[in-house]
Amino acid sequence: MSCSRLSLTRVLFALAGTMTLLAVVLAVTVSPWFLLLGVFVAVNQWLFALAGACPASIVLGRTPCFRGEMQP
């Protein structure tokens, strides 16, 4: 299996950016309640910045591509 050369941090930022854009598009087109998705993403980004881990980093850290990058 070939893994990309992206670091875990870059993948997390890409995931957060994608989810934030999705939240804005859904809030504009479907319902303003989708802004809560953007809030959830922001809380997880702060959690990663302060604690060094968030739910997405824990899940991605268990994959073979990023297994060595997670700090205990």
Protein backbone atom coordinates (compact mmCIF):
# COMPACT_ATOMS: atom_id res chain seq x y z
CA MET A 1 0.00 0.00 0.00
CA SER A 2 1.36 3.37 -0.99
CA CYS A 3 0.85 6.29 1.38
CA SER A 4 0.89 9.92 0.38
CA ARG A 5 3.67 12.20 1.51
CA LEU A 6 1.26 14.51 3.33
CA SER A 7 1.75 14.88 7.05
CA LEU A 8 -1.06 14.24 9.52
CA THR A 9 -1.28 17.95 10.29
CA ARG A 10 -1.73 18.87 6.62
CA VAL A 11 -4.41 16.23 6.17
CA LEU A 12 -6.24 17.51 9.26
CA PHE A 13 -6.14 21.10 7.98
CA ALA A 14 -7.44 19.96 4.58
CA LEU A 15 -10.23 17.99 6.26
CA ALA A 16 -11.17 20.93 8.49
CA GLY A 17 -11.20 23.34 5.55
CA THR A 18 -13.37 21.01 3.50
CA MET A 19 -15.83 20.51 6.33
CA THR A 20 -16.00 24.26 7.00
CA LEU A 21 -16.74 25.01 3.34
CA LEU A 22 -19.35 22.26 3.31
CA ALA A 23 -20.97 23.73 6.43
CA VAL A 24 -21.19 27.18 4.84
CA VAL A 25 -22.63 25.85 1.56
CA LEU A 26 -25.19 23.73 3.41
CA ALA A 27 -26.09 26.63 5.71
CA VAL A 28 -26.75 28.89 2.71
CA THR A 29 -28.62 26.34 0.62
CA VAL A 30 -30.36 24.06 3.13
CA SER A 31 -30.58 25.35 6.69
CA PRO A 32 -28.70 27.76 8.97
CA TRP A 33 -28.45 24.91 11.49
CA PHE A 34 -25.56 23.54 9.43
CA LEU A 35 -23.44 26.35 10.90
CA LEU A 36 -23.21 24.12 13.97
CA LEU A 37 -21.03 21.82 11.86
CA GLY A 38 -18.62 24.74 11.40
CA VAL A 39 -18.63 25.33 15.15
CA PHE A 40 -17.85 21.65 15.75
CA VAL A 41 -14.93 21.85 13.32
CA ALA A 42 -13.58 24.97 15.04
CA VAL A 43 -13.80 23.35 18.47
CA ASN A 44 -11.87 20.35 17.18
CA GLN A 45 -9.19 22.62 15.69
CA TRP A 46 -8.74 24.35 19.03
CA LEU A 47 -8.64 20.98 20.75
CA PHE A 48 -5.85 19.87 18.40
CA ALA A 49 -3.96 23.14 18.93
CA LEU A 50 -4.18 23.00 22.72
CA ALA A 51 -4.03 19.28 23.48
CA GLY A 52 -2.23 17.94 20.43
CA ALA A 53 -5.07 15.60 19.51
CA CYS A 54 -8.66 15.70 18.32
CA PRO A 55 -11.07 12.94 17.32
CA ALA A 56 -10.02 13.10 13.67
CA SER A 57 -6.30 12.94 14.54
CA ILE A 58 -6.90 9.91 16.74
CA VAL A 59 -8.78 8.08 13.98
CA LEU A 60 -6.27 9.04 11.28
CA GLY A 61 -3.37 8.23 13.62
CA ARG A 62 -4.53 4.61 13.67
CA THR A 63 -4.23 4.25 9.90
CA PRO A 64 -1.04 2.70 8.51
CA CYS A 65 -0.03 5.92 6.74
CA PHE A 66 0.09 8.04 9.90
CA ARG A 67 0.73 5.44 12.61
CA GLY A 68 4.16 6.84 13.56
CA GLU A 69 3.09 10.48 13.67
CA MET A 70 0.80 10.48 16.71
CA GLN A 71 2.37 11.43 20.01
CA PRO A 72 1.13 9.67 23.14
